[in-house]
Amino acid sequence: MIWKNGAFLAGVVLLAAGCGKSIDMERLDPTTDLQYDTEWSQRDDQLVADKMVASILSAPWIAEFNALHPNERPVIIVSELVNATSEHIDVKSLTDRIRTRLVKSQRVRFLNAEARDAILEEYRYQSSGVVDPSRAVRTGRQEGAMYIITGDISSIASTLDNRKVVTYKVTLNLTNLESAVIEWTDDHEITKHFKSRGMKL
């Protein structure tokens, strides 16, 4: 009886395996412009980040800073972009791309605002008495940001039957924290046209 149950169970497993779905996987270049919906895409992230970073690094503000502060790099903090569109957009991904490209340029430095709570907690731990004082980091030595990057992403869409046109606009501002003066601003637009077969968008 036990053998029969085991044989029956094995047959069910084989049948289930035979009816399972098959998935093929192909590795793609991350810059491939491949999209299955009508929303913001990874490629849009990349294009905007490249455009904005090139713009901010070629603007006069950085040369003016270098002239006033030789051998220094401006310290920047970045605020997560505001999503002013009607769709879900991973603005953190775009914010991270912009910050990563700027850091890699080695022309600016960034403060890690996202880790502030974790840093403070580590300070408290190291000053609690469990860490050798000679090994503990000293507080009050963090650098202050000189500039902050803020911005938003908005969109306008137009749909007619099986066609759709959507224009996204990303606007960024670099503000001097001491004077509140906007030292640089730029925007970049991406317009995408979609057409479906046999269905309304």
N, C-alpha and C. Protein backbone atom coordinates (compact mmCIF):
# COMPACT_ATOMS: atom_id res chain seq x y z
N MET A 1 0.83 -1.20 0.00
CA MET A 1 0.00 0.00 0.00
C MET A 1 0.87 1.26 0.00
N ILE A 2 1.95 1.19 0.78
CA ILE A 2 2.87 2.35 0.81
C ILE A 2 3.51 2.56 -0.54
N TRP A 3 3.89 1.40 -1.18
CA TRP A 3 4.52 1.51 -2.50
C TRP A 3 3.56 2.11 -3.51
N LYS A 4 2.29 1.69 -3.44
CA LYS A 4 1.30 2.21 -4.38
C LYS A 4 1.14 3.72 -4.20
N ASN A 5 1.09 4.17 -2.93
CA ASN A 5 0.97 5.60 -2.68
C ASN A 5 2.17 6.36 -3.22
N GLY A 6 3.39 5.76 -3.02
CA GLY A 6 4.60 6.40 -3.52
C GLY A 6 4.60 6.48 -5.02
N ALA A 7 4.17 5.37 -5.69
CA ALA A 7 4.12 5.37 -7.15
C ALA A 7 3.12 6.39 -7.66
N PHE A 8 1.97 6.49 -6.97
CA PHE A 8 0.95 7.44 -7.37
C PHE A 8 1.46 8.87 -7.24
N LEU A 9 2.15 9.15 -6.11
CA LEU A 9 2.70 10.49 -5.88
C LEU A 9 3.74 10.85 -6.93
N ALA A 10 4.61 9.88 -7.29
CA ALA A 10 5.62 10.14 -8.31
C ALA A 10 4.96 10.47 -9.64
N GLY A 11 3.87 9.76 -9.95
CA GLY A 11 3.16 10.02 -11.20
C GLY A 11 2.56 11.41 -11.23
N VAL A 12 2.03 11.86 -10.09
CA VAL A 12 1.48 13.22 -10.02
C VAL A 12 2.56 14.26 -10.22
N VAL A 13 3.74 14.03 -9.61
CA VAL A 13 4.86 14.97 -9.75
C VAL A 13 5.31 15.06 -11.20
N LEU A 14 5.43 13.92 -11.88
CA LEU A 14 5.85 13.91 -13.28
C LEU A 14 4.83 14.60 -14.16
N LEU A 15 3.54 14.38 -13.87
CA LEU A 15 2.49 15.01 -14.66
C LEU A 15 2.53 16.52 -14.49
N ALA A 16 2.72 16.95 -13.23
CA ALA A 16 2.80 18.39 -12.96
C ALA A 16 4.00 19.02 -13.66
N ALA A 17 5.11 18.28 -13.65
CA ALA A 17 6.32 18.80 -14.31
C ALA A 17 6.12 18.91 -15.81
N GLY A 18 5.39 17.94 -16.37
CA GLY A 18 5.16 17.95 -17.82
C GLY A 18 4.25 19.08 -18.25
N CYS A 19 3.37 19.55 -17.34
CA CYS A 19 2.43 20.61 -17.69
C CYS A 19 2.95 22.00 -17.32
N GLY A 20 4.15 22.09 -16.72
CA GLY A 20 4.68 23.37 -16.27
C GLY A 20 5.05 24.28 -17.42
N LYS A 21 5.14 25.58 -17.14
CA LYS A 21 5.51 26.56 -18.15
C LYS A 21 7.02 26.56 -18.35
N SER A 22 7.42 26.87 -19.55
CA SER A 22 8.84 26.96 -19.88
C SER A 22 9.21 28.42 -20.06
N ILE A 23 10.32 28.83 -19.48
CA ILE A 23 10.76 30.22 -19.58
C ILE A 23 12.14 30.27 -20.22
N ASP A 24 12.26 31.02 -21.29
CA ASP A 24 13.54 31.24 -21.93
C ASP A 24 14.11 32.57 -21.45
N MET A 25 15.41 32.62 -21.21
CA MET A 25 16.06 33.83 -20.74
C MET A 25 17.16 34.24 -21.70
N GLU A 26 17.21 35.54 -21.97
CA GLU A 26 18.25 36.09 -22.84
C GLU A 26 18.84 37.32 -22.16
N ARG A 27 20.15 37.37 -22.03
CA ARG A 27 20.79 38.54 -21.43
C ARG A 27 20.88 39.65 -22.47
N LEU A 28 20.51 40.87 -22.04
CA LEU A 28 20.49 42.01 -22.94
C LEU A 28 21.45 43.08 -22.46
N ASP A 29 21.91 43.89 -23.39
CA ASP A 29 22.68 45.07 -23.04
C ASP A 29 21.74 46.00 -22.26
N PRO A 30 22.19 46.53 -21.09
CA PRO A 30 21.31 47.39 -20.29
C PRO A 30 20.80 48.62 -21.02
N THR A 31 21.49 49.01 -22.10
CA THR A 31 21.04 50.18 -22.85
C THR A 31 20.06 49.83 -23.96
N THR A 32 19.67 48.55 -24.07
CA THR A 32 18.71 48.14 -25.09
C THR A 32 17.38 48.84 -24.86
N ASP A 33 16.83 49.43 -25.91
CA ASP A 33 15.57 50.16 -25.80
C ASP A 33 14.40 49.20 -26.05
N LEU A 34 14.12 48.37 -25.05
CA LEU A 34 13.07 47.36 -25.15
C LEU A 34 12.02 47.65 -24.09
N GLN A 35 10.75 47.72 -24.52
CA GLN A 35 9.69 48.10 -23.59
C GLN A 35 8.40 47.36 -23.92
N TYR A 36 7.68 46.90 -22.86
CA TYR A 36 6.44 46.15 -23.04
C TYR A 36 5.21 46.90 -22.56
N ASP A 37 5.39 48.14 -22.10
CA ASP A 37 4.24 48.93 -21.68
C ASP A 37 4.43 50.37 -22.16
N THR A 38 3.54 51.26 -21.74
CA THR A 38 3.60 52.65 -22.21
C THR A 38 4.04 53.60 -21.11
N GLU A 39 4.86 53.11 -20.19
CA GLU A 39 5.27 53.94 -19.07
C GLU A 39 6.78 54.23 -19.11
N TRP A 40 7.22 54.97 -18.11
CA TRP A 40 8.64 55.33 -17.95
C TRP A 40 9.48 54.06 -17.89
N SER A 41 10.65 54.07 -18.51
CA SER A 41 11.46 52.86 -18.59
C SER A 41 12.87 53.07 -18.05
N GLN A 42 13.59 51.98 -17.93
CA GLN A 42 14.98 52.03 -17.48
C GLN A 42 15.82 52.85 -18.45
N ARG A 43 15.56 52.72 -19.74
CA ARG A 43 16.32 53.47 -20.73
C ARG A 43 16.09 54.98 -20.58
N ASP A 44 14.86 55.37 -20.22
CA ASP A 44 14.59 56.78 -19.96
C ASP A 44 15.44 57.29 -18.81
N ASP A 45 15.55 56.47 -17.75
CA ASP A 45 16.43 56.78 -16.62
C ASP A 45 17.84 57.10 -17.09
N GLN A 46 18.37 56.22 -17.92
CA GLN A 46 19.75 56.35 -18.38
C GLN A 46 19.95 57.61 -19.22
N LEU A 47 19.02 57.88 -20.13
CA LEU A 47 19.14 59.04 -21.01
C LEU A 47 19.09 60.34 -20.22
N VAL A 48 18.18 60.42 -19.26
CA VAL A 48 18.05 61.64 -18.46
C VAL A 48 19.29 61.84 -17.59
N ALA A 49 19.76 60.78 -16.96
CA ALA A 49 20.94 60.89 -16.10
C ALA A 49 22.15 61.36 -16.90
N ASP A 50 22.36 60.79 -18.07
CA ASP A 50 23.50 61.19 -18.91
C ASP A 50 23.41 62.67 -19.30
N LYS A 51 22.21 63.10 -19.72
CA LYS A 51 22.02 64.48 -20.15
C LYS A 51 22.22 65.46 -19.01
N MET A 52 21.64 65.17 -17.86
CA MET A 52 21.71 66.10 -16.73
C MET A 52 23.12 66.19 -16.15
N VAL A 53 23.80 65.08 -16.06
CA VAL A 53 25.16 65.09 -15.51
C VAL A 53 26.10 65.87 -16.43
N ALA A 54 25.97 65.66 -17.73
CA ALA A 54 26.79 66.41 -18.68
C ALA A 54 26.53 67.91 -18.56
N SER A 55 25.27 68.27 -18.35
CA SER A 55 24.90 69.68 -18.23
C SER A 55 25.45 70.31 -16.96
N ILE A 56 25.28 69.64 -15.85
CA ILE A 56 25.72 70.22 -14.57
C ILE A 56 27.24 70.35 -14.48
N LEU A 57 27.97 69.41 -15.10
CA LEU A 57 29.43 69.45 -15.04
C LEU A 57 30.03 70.46 -16.02
N SER A 58 29.25 70.87 -17.01
CA SER A 58 29.76 71.85 -17.98
C SER A 58 29.27 73.27 -17.68
N ALA A 59 28.45 73.43 -16.64
CA ALA A 59 27.92 74.74 -16.30
C ALA A 59 28.97 75.59 -15.59
N PRO A 60 28.86 76.92 -15.64
CA PRO A 60 29.88 77.81 -15.07
C PRO A 60 30.07 77.69 -13.57
N TRP A 61 29.06 77.23 -12.83
CA TRP A 61 29.15 77.24 -11.36
C TRP A 61 30.36 76.47 -10.84
N ILE A 62 30.68 75.35 -11.48
CA ILE A 62 31.75 74.51 -10.95
C ILE A 62 33.13 75.15 -11.20
N ALA A 63 33.28 75.82 -12.35
CA ALA A 63 34.54 76.53 -12.61
C ALA A 63 34.71 77.70 -11.63
N GLU A 64 33.60 78.37 -11.34
CA GLU A 64 33.64 79.49 -10.39
C GLU A 64 34.00 78.99 -8.99
N PHE A 65 33.47 77.84 -8.61
CA PHE A 65 33.80 77.26 -7.31
C PHE A 65 35.29 76.91 -7.25
N ASN A 66 35.78 76.27 -8.31
CA ASN A 66 37.19 75.87 -8.34
C ASN A 66 38.13 77.07 -8.28
N ALA A 67 37.71 78.18 -8.87
CA ALA A 67 38.54 79.39 -8.84
C ALA A 67 38.61 79.97 -7.42
N LEU A 68 37.52 79.88 -6.69
CA LEU A 68 37.48 80.42 -5.33
C LEU A 68 38.05 79.45 -4.30
N HIS A 69 37.99 78.15 -4.62
CA HIS A 69 38.46 77.12 -3.67
C HIS A 69 39.41 76.15 -4.39
N PRO A 70 40.62 76.55 -4.67
CA PRO A 70 41.57 75.66 -5.36
C PRO A 70 41.79 74.37 -4.58
N ASN A 71 41.93 73.29 -5.31
CA ASN A 71 42.20 71.97 -4.73
C ASN A 71 41.06 71.43 -3.87
N GLU A 72 39.87 72.01 -4.02
CA GLU A 72 38.69 71.50 -3.32
C GLU A 72 37.64 71.07 -4.33
N ARG A 73 36.76 70.19 -3.88
CA ARG A 73 35.62 69.79 -4.69
C ARG A 73 34.34 70.16 -3.95
N PRO A 74 33.35 70.69 -4.65
CA PRO A 74 32.11 71.06 -3.96
C PRO A 74 31.43 69.84 -3.36
N VAL A 75 30.87 70.03 -2.16
CA VAL A 75 30.16 68.95 -1.48
C VAL A 75 28.66 69.12 -1.71
N ILE A 76 28.05 68.07 -2.22
CA ILE A 76 26.65 68.13 -2.64
C ILE A 76 25.82 67.11 -1.88
N ILE A 77 24.57 67.45 -1.66
CA ILE A 77 23.59 66.50 -1.15
C ILE A 77 22.45 66.45 -2.17
N VAL A 78 21.87 65.29 -2.37
CA VAL A 78 20.82 65.16 -3.37
C VAL A 78 19.52 64.75 -2.70
N SER A 79 18.46 65.42 -3.08
CA SER A 79 17.12 65.10 -2.57
C SER A 79 16.40 64.26 -3.61
N GLU A 80 15.64 63.27 -3.15
CA GLU A 80 14.92 62.40 -4.09
C GLU A 80 13.96 63.22 -4.93
N LEU A 81 13.95 62.97 -6.23
CA LEU A 81 13.09 63.72 -7.14
C LEU A 81 11.61 63.52 -6.80
N VAL A 82 10.82 64.53 -7.09
CA VAL A 82 9.38 64.46 -6.87
C VAL A 82 8.70 63.91 -8.12
N ASN A 83 7.88 62.91 -7.97
CA ASN A 83 7.14 62.33 -9.09
C ASN A 83 5.81 63.07 -9.23
N ALA A 84 5.72 63.95 -10.22
CA ALA A 84 4.50 64.72 -10.46
C ALA A 84 3.69 64.15 -11.61
N THR A 85 3.98 62.92 -12.01
CA THR A 85 3.22 62.26 -13.07
C THR A 85 2.07 61.47 -12.46
N SER A 86 1.23 60.89 -13.32
CA SER A 86 0.09 60.08 -12.86
C SER A 86 0.45 58.61 -12.77
N GLU A 87 1.69 58.24 -13.09
CA GLU A 87 2.10 56.84 -13.05
C GLU A 87 3.17 56.62 -11.99
N HIS A 88 3.35 55.36 -11.64
CA HIS A 88 4.39 55.04 -10.66
C HIS A 88 5.75 55.05 -11.35
N ILE A 89 6.65 55.87 -10.85
CA ILE A 89 8.01 55.94 -11.38
C ILE A 89 8.97 55.77 -10.21
N ASP A 90 9.95 54.93 -10.39
CA ASP A 90 10.95 54.71 -9.35
C ASP A 90 11.93 55.88 -9.37
N VAL A 91 11.56 56.97 -8.71
CA VAL A 91 12.41 58.17 -8.73
C VAL A 91 13.72 57.94 -8.01
N LYS A 92 13.75 57.01 -7.07
CA LYS A 92 15.00 56.71 -6.38
C LYS A 92 16.04 56.16 -7.35
N SER A 93 15.59 55.35 -8.30
CA SER A 93 16.50 54.80 -9.29
C SER A 93 17.14 55.91 -10.12
N LEU A 94 16.33 56.87 -10.55
CA LEU A 94 16.86 57.99 -11.33
C LEU A 94 17.79 58.86 -10.48
N THR A 95 17.38 59.14 -9.25
CA THR A 95 18.21 59.93 -8.34
C THR A 95 19.56 59.25 -8.11
N ASP A 96 19.54 57.94 -7.90
CA ASP A 96 20.78 57.19 -7.68
C ASP A 96 21.69 57.22 -8.90
N ARG A 97 21.09 57.13 -10.09
CA ARG A 97 21.90 57.16 -11.32
C ARG A 97 22.62 58.49 -11.46
N ILE A 98 21.91 59.57 -11.20
CA ILE A 98 22.51 60.90 -11.32
C ILE A 98 23.65 61.06 -10.32
N ARG A 99 23.41 60.65 -9.08
CA ARG A 99 24.45 60.74 -8.04
C ARG A 99 25.65 59.88 -8.39
N THR A 100 25.42 58.67 -8.85
CA THR A 100 26.52 57.76 -9.19
C THR A 100 27.39 58.34 -10.30
N ARG A 101 26.77 58.88 -11.32
CA ARG A 101 27.54 59.46 -12.43
C ARG A 101 28.34 60.67 -11.98
N LEU A 102 27.76 61.49 -11.11
CA LEU A 102 28.49 62.66 -10.62
C LEU A 102 29.67 62.26 -9.74
N VAL A 103 29.47 61.27 -8.89
CA VAL A 103 30.57 60.80 -8.04
C VAL A 103 31.70 60.23 -8.90
N LYS A 104 31.34 59.46 -9.93
CA LYS A 104 32.36 58.87 -10.80
C LYS A 104 33.15 59.92 -11.58
N SER A 105 32.56 61.09 -11.77
CA SER A 105 33.28 62.16 -12.48
C SER A 105 34.47 62.67 -11.66
N GLN A 106 34.44 62.45 -10.34
CA GLN A 106 35.47 62.89 -9.41
C GLN A 106 35.65 64.41 -9.38
N ARG A 107 34.61 65.12 -9.79
CA ARG A 107 34.67 66.58 -9.75
C ARG A 107 33.84 67.15 -8.60
N VAL A 108 33.03 66.31 -7.99
CA VAL A 108 32.24 66.73 -6.84
C VAL A 108 32.27 65.63 -5.80
N ARG A 109 31.85 65.97 -4.59
CA ARG A 109 31.71 64.98 -3.53
C ARG A 109 30.27 65.01 -3.01
N PHE A 110 29.79 63.86 -2.56
CA PHE A 110 28.42 63.77 -2.08
C PHE A 110 28.38 63.34 -0.62
N LEU A 111 27.46 63.92 0.14
CA LEU A 111 27.18 63.45 1.48
C LEU A 111 26.12 62.36 1.41
N ASN A 112 26.25 61.36 2.27
CA ASN A 112 25.32 60.24 2.27
C ASN A 112 24.15 60.56 3.20
N ALA A 113 23.17 61.28 2.66
CA ALA A 113 22.02 61.67 3.48
C ALA A 113 21.18 60.47 3.89
N GLU A 114 21.13 59.45 3.03
CA GLU A 114 20.30 58.29 3.32
C GLU A 114 20.81 57.50 4.53
N ALA A 115 22.09 57.63 4.83
CA ALA A 115 22.68 56.85 5.93
C ALA A 115 22.78 57.65 7.23
N ARG A 116 22.18 58.82 7.28
CA ARG A 116 22.35 59.67 8.46
C ARG A 116 21.86 59.01 9.74
N ASP A 117 20.69 58.39 9.69
CA ASP A 117 20.16 57.73 10.88
C ASP A 117 21.06 56.59 11.33
N ALA A 118 21.56 55.81 10.35
CA ALA A 118 22.45 54.70 10.67
C ALA A 118 23.77 55.20 11.24
N ILE A 119 24.25 56.32 10.71
CA ILE A 119 25.50 56.91 11.20
C ILE A 119 25.34 57.39 12.64
N LEU A 120 24.22 58.07 12.92
CA LEU A 120 23.97 58.54 14.28
C LEU A 120 23.86 57.37 15.26
N GLU A 121 23.22 56.31 14.83
CA GLU A 121 23.10 55.13 15.69
C GLU A 121 24.47 54.52 15.99
N GLU A 122 25.35 54.51 14.98
CA GLU A 122 26.70 53.99 15.18
C GLU A 122 27.49 54.89 16.12
N TYR A 123 27.29 56.22 16.01
CA TYR A 123 27.93 57.15 16.94
C TYR A 123 27.52 56.83 18.38
N ARG A 124 26.22 56.63 18.57
CA ARG A 124 25.71 56.32 19.92
C ARG A 124 26.32 55.02 20.44
N TYR A 125 26.41 54.03 19.58
CA TYR A 125 26.99 52.75 19.99
C TYR A 125 28.45 52.92 20.39
N GLN A 126 29.23 53.62 19.58
CA GLN A 126 30.65 53.76 19.85
C GLN A 126 30.93 54.62 21.09
N SER A 127 29.98 55.48 21.44
CA SER A 127 30.18 56.32 22.63
C SER A 127 29.48 55.73 23.86
N SER A 128 28.99 54.51 23.74
CA SER A 128 28.25 53.89 24.86
C SER A 128 29.17 53.27 25.90
N GLY A 129 30.47 53.19 25.61
CA GLY A 129 31.40 52.61 26.54
C GLY A 129 31.86 51.21 26.18
N VAL A 130 31.25 50.62 25.15
CA VAL A 130 31.62 49.26 24.76
C VAL A 130 32.76 49.25 23.75
N VAL A 131 33.08 50.41 23.21
CA VAL A 131 34.15 50.51 22.21
C VAL A 131 35.35 51.22 22.83
N ASP A 132 36.52 50.71 22.55
CA ASP A 132 37.76 51.33 23.02
C ASP A 132 37.78 52.80 22.56
N PRO A 133 37.86 53.75 23.50
CA PRO A 133 37.83 55.17 23.12
C PRO A 133 38.86 55.55 22.07
N SER A 134 40.00 54.88 22.09
CA SER A 134 41.04 55.20 21.11
C SER A 134 40.67 54.71 19.71
N ARG A 135 39.68 53.81 19.65
CA ARG A 135 39.23 53.27 18.37
C ARG A 135 37.93 53.90 17.88
N ALA A 136 37.25 54.60 18.75
CA ALA A 136 35.96 55.19 18.40
C ALA A 136 36.15 56.43 17.52
N VAL A 137 35.23 56.61 16.58
CA VAL A 137 35.29 57.80 15.72
C VAL A 137 34.87 59.01 16.53
N ARG A 138 35.42 60.15 16.17
CA ARG A 138 35.09 61.39 16.87
C ARG A 138 33.90 62.06 16.21
N THR A 139 32.98 62.53 17.01
CA THR A 139 31.82 63.23 16.47
C THR A 139 32.16 64.70 16.21
N GLY A 140 31.27 65.36 15.51
CA GLY A 140 31.47 66.78 15.23
C GLY A 140 32.46 67.06 14.13
N ARG A 141 32.77 66.04 13.33
CA ARG A 141 33.76 66.24 12.27
C ARG A 141 33.18 66.00 10.87
N GLN A 142 31.87 65.84 10.79
CA GLN A 142 31.26 65.65 9.48
C GLN A 142 31.31 66.95 8.68
N GLU A 143 31.35 66.79 7.37
CA GLU A 143 31.32 67.95 6.49
C GLU A 143 29.89 68.37 6.24
N GLY A 144 29.71 69.65 6.01
CA GLY A 144 28.39 70.16 5.66
C GLY A 144 28.27 70.32 4.16
N ALA A 145 27.08 70.07 3.66
CA ALA A 145 26.84 70.22 2.22
C ALA A 145 26.88 71.70 1.83
N MET A 146 27.42 71.98 0.65
CA MET A 146 27.45 73.34 0.12
C MET A 146 26.31 73.59 -0.85
N TYR A 147 25.88 72.50 -1.51
CA TYR A 147 24.84 72.60 -2.53
C TYR A 147 23.85 71.44 -2.36
N ILE A 148 22.63 71.64 -2.82
CA ILE A 148 21.64 70.57 -2.83
C ILE A 148 21.00 70.48 -4.21
N ILE A 149 20.83 69.26 -4.68
CA ILE A 149 20.15 69.01 -5.96
C ILE A 149 18.71 68.59 -5.67
N THR A 150 17.78 69.31 -6.24
CA THR A 150 16.36 68.98 -6.12
C THR A 150 15.76 68.93 -7.52
N GLY A 151 14.57 68.37 -7.63
CA GLY A 151 13.95 68.34 -8.94
C GLY A 151 12.67 67.55 -8.96
N ASP A 152 12.07 67.48 -10.13
CA ASP A 152 10.82 66.73 -10.29
C ASP A 152 10.70 66.19 -11.70
N ILE A 153 9.78 65.27 -11.86
CA ILE A 153 9.48 64.71 -13.17
C ILE A 153 7.98 64.83 -13.39
N SER A 154 7.59 65.41 -14.52
CA SER A 154 6.18 65.60 -14.86
C SER A 154 5.91 64.98 -16.22
N SER A 155 4.65 64.87 -16.58
CA SER A 155 4.32 64.26 -17.87
C SER A 155 3.00 64.80 -18.40
N ILE A 156 2.89 64.79 -19.73
CA ILE A 156 1.63 65.13 -20.42
C ILE A 156 1.37 64.01 -21.42
N ALA A 157 0.17 63.43 -21.37
CA ALA A 157 -0.16 62.31 -22.26
C ALA A 157 -1.39 62.64 -23.08
N SER A 158 -1.39 62.13 -24.30
CA SER A 158 -2.54 62.28 -25.20
C SER A 158 -2.83 60.93 -25.84
N THR A 159 -4.09 60.47 -25.74
CA THR A 159 -4.45 59.15 -26.24
C THR A 159 -5.62 59.24 -27.20
N LEU A 160 -5.53 58.53 -28.30
CA LEU A 160 -6.63 58.44 -29.27
C LEU A 160 -6.68 57.02 -29.79
N ASP A 161 -7.75 56.29 -29.41
CA ASP A 161 -7.94 54.89 -29.82
C ASP A 161 -6.69 54.06 -29.50
N ASN A 162 -5.97 53.63 -30.53
CA ASN A 162 -4.82 52.75 -30.31
C ASN A 162 -3.49 53.49 -30.39
N ARG A 163 -3.53 54.80 -30.24
CA ARG A 163 -2.32 55.59 -30.27
C ARG A 163 -2.18 56.41 -28.98
N LYS A 164 -0.93 56.60 -28.57
CA LYS A 164 -0.68 57.38 -27.38
C LYS A 164 0.65 58.11 -27.52
N VAL A 165 0.65 59.37 -27.15
CA VAL A 165 1.87 60.17 -27.11
C VAL A 165 2.03 60.69 -25.69
N VAL A 166 3.18 60.46 -25.10
CA VAL A 166 3.45 60.96 -23.76
C VAL A 166 4.79 61.67 -23.73
N THR A 167 4.81 62.84 -23.12
CA THR A 167 6.04 63.62 -22.99
C THR A 167 6.37 63.77 -21.51
N TYR A 168 7.57 63.32 -21.16
CA TYR A 168 8.07 63.46 -19.80
C TYR A 168 9.05 64.62 -19.75
N LYS A 169 9.00 65.38 -18.67
CA LYS A 169 9.98 66.45 -18.48
C LYS A 169 10.60 66.32 -17.10
N VAL A 170 11.94 66.20 -17.06
CA VAL A 170 12.67 66.15 -15.80
C VAL A 170 13.39 67.48 -15.62
N THR A 171 13.15 68.12 -14.50
CA THR A 171 13.78 69.41 -14.18
C THR A 171 14.62 69.25 -12.92
N LEU A 172 15.86 69.71 -12.98
CA LEU A 172 16.74 69.66 -11.81
C LEU A 172 17.25 71.06 -11.48
N ASN A 173 17.48 71.29 -10.19
CA ASN A 173 18.04 72.56 -9.72
C ASN A 173 19.21 72.28 -8.78
N LEU A 174 20.25 73.06 -8.90
CA LEU A 174 21.38 73.02 -7.97
C LEU A 174 21.36 74.33 -7.19
N THR A 175 21.11 74.23 -5.88
CA THR A 175 20.95 75.42 -5.05
C THR A 175 22.11 75.56 -4.07
N ASN A 176 22.64 76.77 -3.98
CA ASN A 176 23.67 77.08 -2.99
C ASN A 176 22.99 77.17 -1.62
N LEU A 177 23.38 76.29 -0.70
CA LEU A 177 22.70 76.23 0.60
C LEU A 177 22.93 77.47 1.46
N GLU A 178 24.05 78.14 1.27
CA GLU A 178 24.34 79.33 2.07
C GLU A 178 23.54 80.53 1.61
N SER A 179 23.43 80.71 0.29
CA SER A 179 22.76 81.89 -0.25
C SER A 179 21.35 81.62 -0.77
N ALA A 180 21.00 80.33 -0.93
CA ALA A 180 19.71 79.91 -1.50
C ALA A 180 19.58 80.30 -2.98
N VAL A 181 20.70 80.64 -3.60
CA VAL A 181 20.70 80.99 -5.02
C VAL A 181 20.76 79.71 -5.86
N ILE A 182 19.94 79.64 -6.88
CA ILE A 182 19.99 78.52 -7.82
C ILE A 182 21.18 78.74 -8.75
N GLU A 183 22.20 77.92 -8.60
CA GLU A 183 23.42 78.09 -9.38
C GLU A 183 23.31 77.44 -10.76
N TRP A 184 22.45 76.46 -10.88
CA TRP A 184 22.28 75.76 -12.16
C TRP A 184 20.89 75.14 -12.21
N THR A 185 20.30 75.16 -13.36
CA THR A 185 19.04 74.46 -13.58
C THR A 185 18.96 74.02 -15.03
N ASP A 186 18.32 72.92 -15.25
CA ASP A 186 18.15 72.41 -16.62
C ASP A 186 16.97 71.45 -16.63
N ASP A 187 16.45 71.22 -17.82
CA ASP A 187 15.39 70.22 -17.95
C ASP A 187 15.64 69.39 -19.20
N HIS A 188 15.08 68.22 -19.21
CA HIS A 188 15.23 67.32 -20.35
C HIS A 188 13.89 66.66 -20.61
N GLU A 189 13.48 66.68 -21.88
CA GLU A 189 12.20 66.10 -22.26
C GLU A 189 12.40 64.82 -23.07
N ILE A 190 11.52 63.87 -22.84
CA ILE A 190 11.49 62.63 -23.60
C ILE A 190 10.06 62.44 -24.10
N THR A 191 9.89 62.35 -25.40
CA THR A 191 8.58 62.14 -25.99
C THR A 191 8.52 60.75 -26.61
N LYS A 192 7.48 60.00 -26.28
CA LYS A 192 7.35 58.62 -26.75
C LYS A 192 5.98 58.43 -27.41
N HIS A 193 6.00 57.80 -28.58
CA HIS A 193 4.77 57.53 -29.33
C HIS A 193 4.52 56.03 -29.36
N PHE A 194 3.33 55.62 -28.95
CA PHE A 194 2.98 54.20 -28.91
C PHE A 194 1.80 53.94 -29.85
N LYS A 195 1.83 52.79 -30.48
CA LYS A 195 0.71 52.36 -31.32
C LYS A 195 0.49 50.88 -31.10
N SER A 196 -0.75 50.52 -30.78
CA SER A 196 -1.07 49.11 -30.53
C SER A 196 -1.88 48.56 -31.70
N ARG A 197 -1.91 47.25 -31.79
CA ARG A 197 -2.67 46.59 -32.84
C ARG A 197 -3.91 45.91 -32.24
N GLY A 198 -5.08 46.38 -32.64
CA GLY A 198 -6.32 45.71 -32.23
C GLY A 198 -6.81 46.05 -30.86
N MET A 199 -6.26 47.05 -30.17
CA MET A 199 -6.74 47.39 -28.85
C MET A 199 -6.50 48.87 -28.57
N LYS A 200 -7.32 49.43 -27.70
CA LYS A 200 -7.15 50.83 -27.33
C LYS A 200 -6.11 50.94 -26.23
N LEU A 201 -5.35 52.03 -26.25
CA LEU A 201 -4.36 52.28 -25.22
C LEU A 201 -4.98 53.10 -24.09
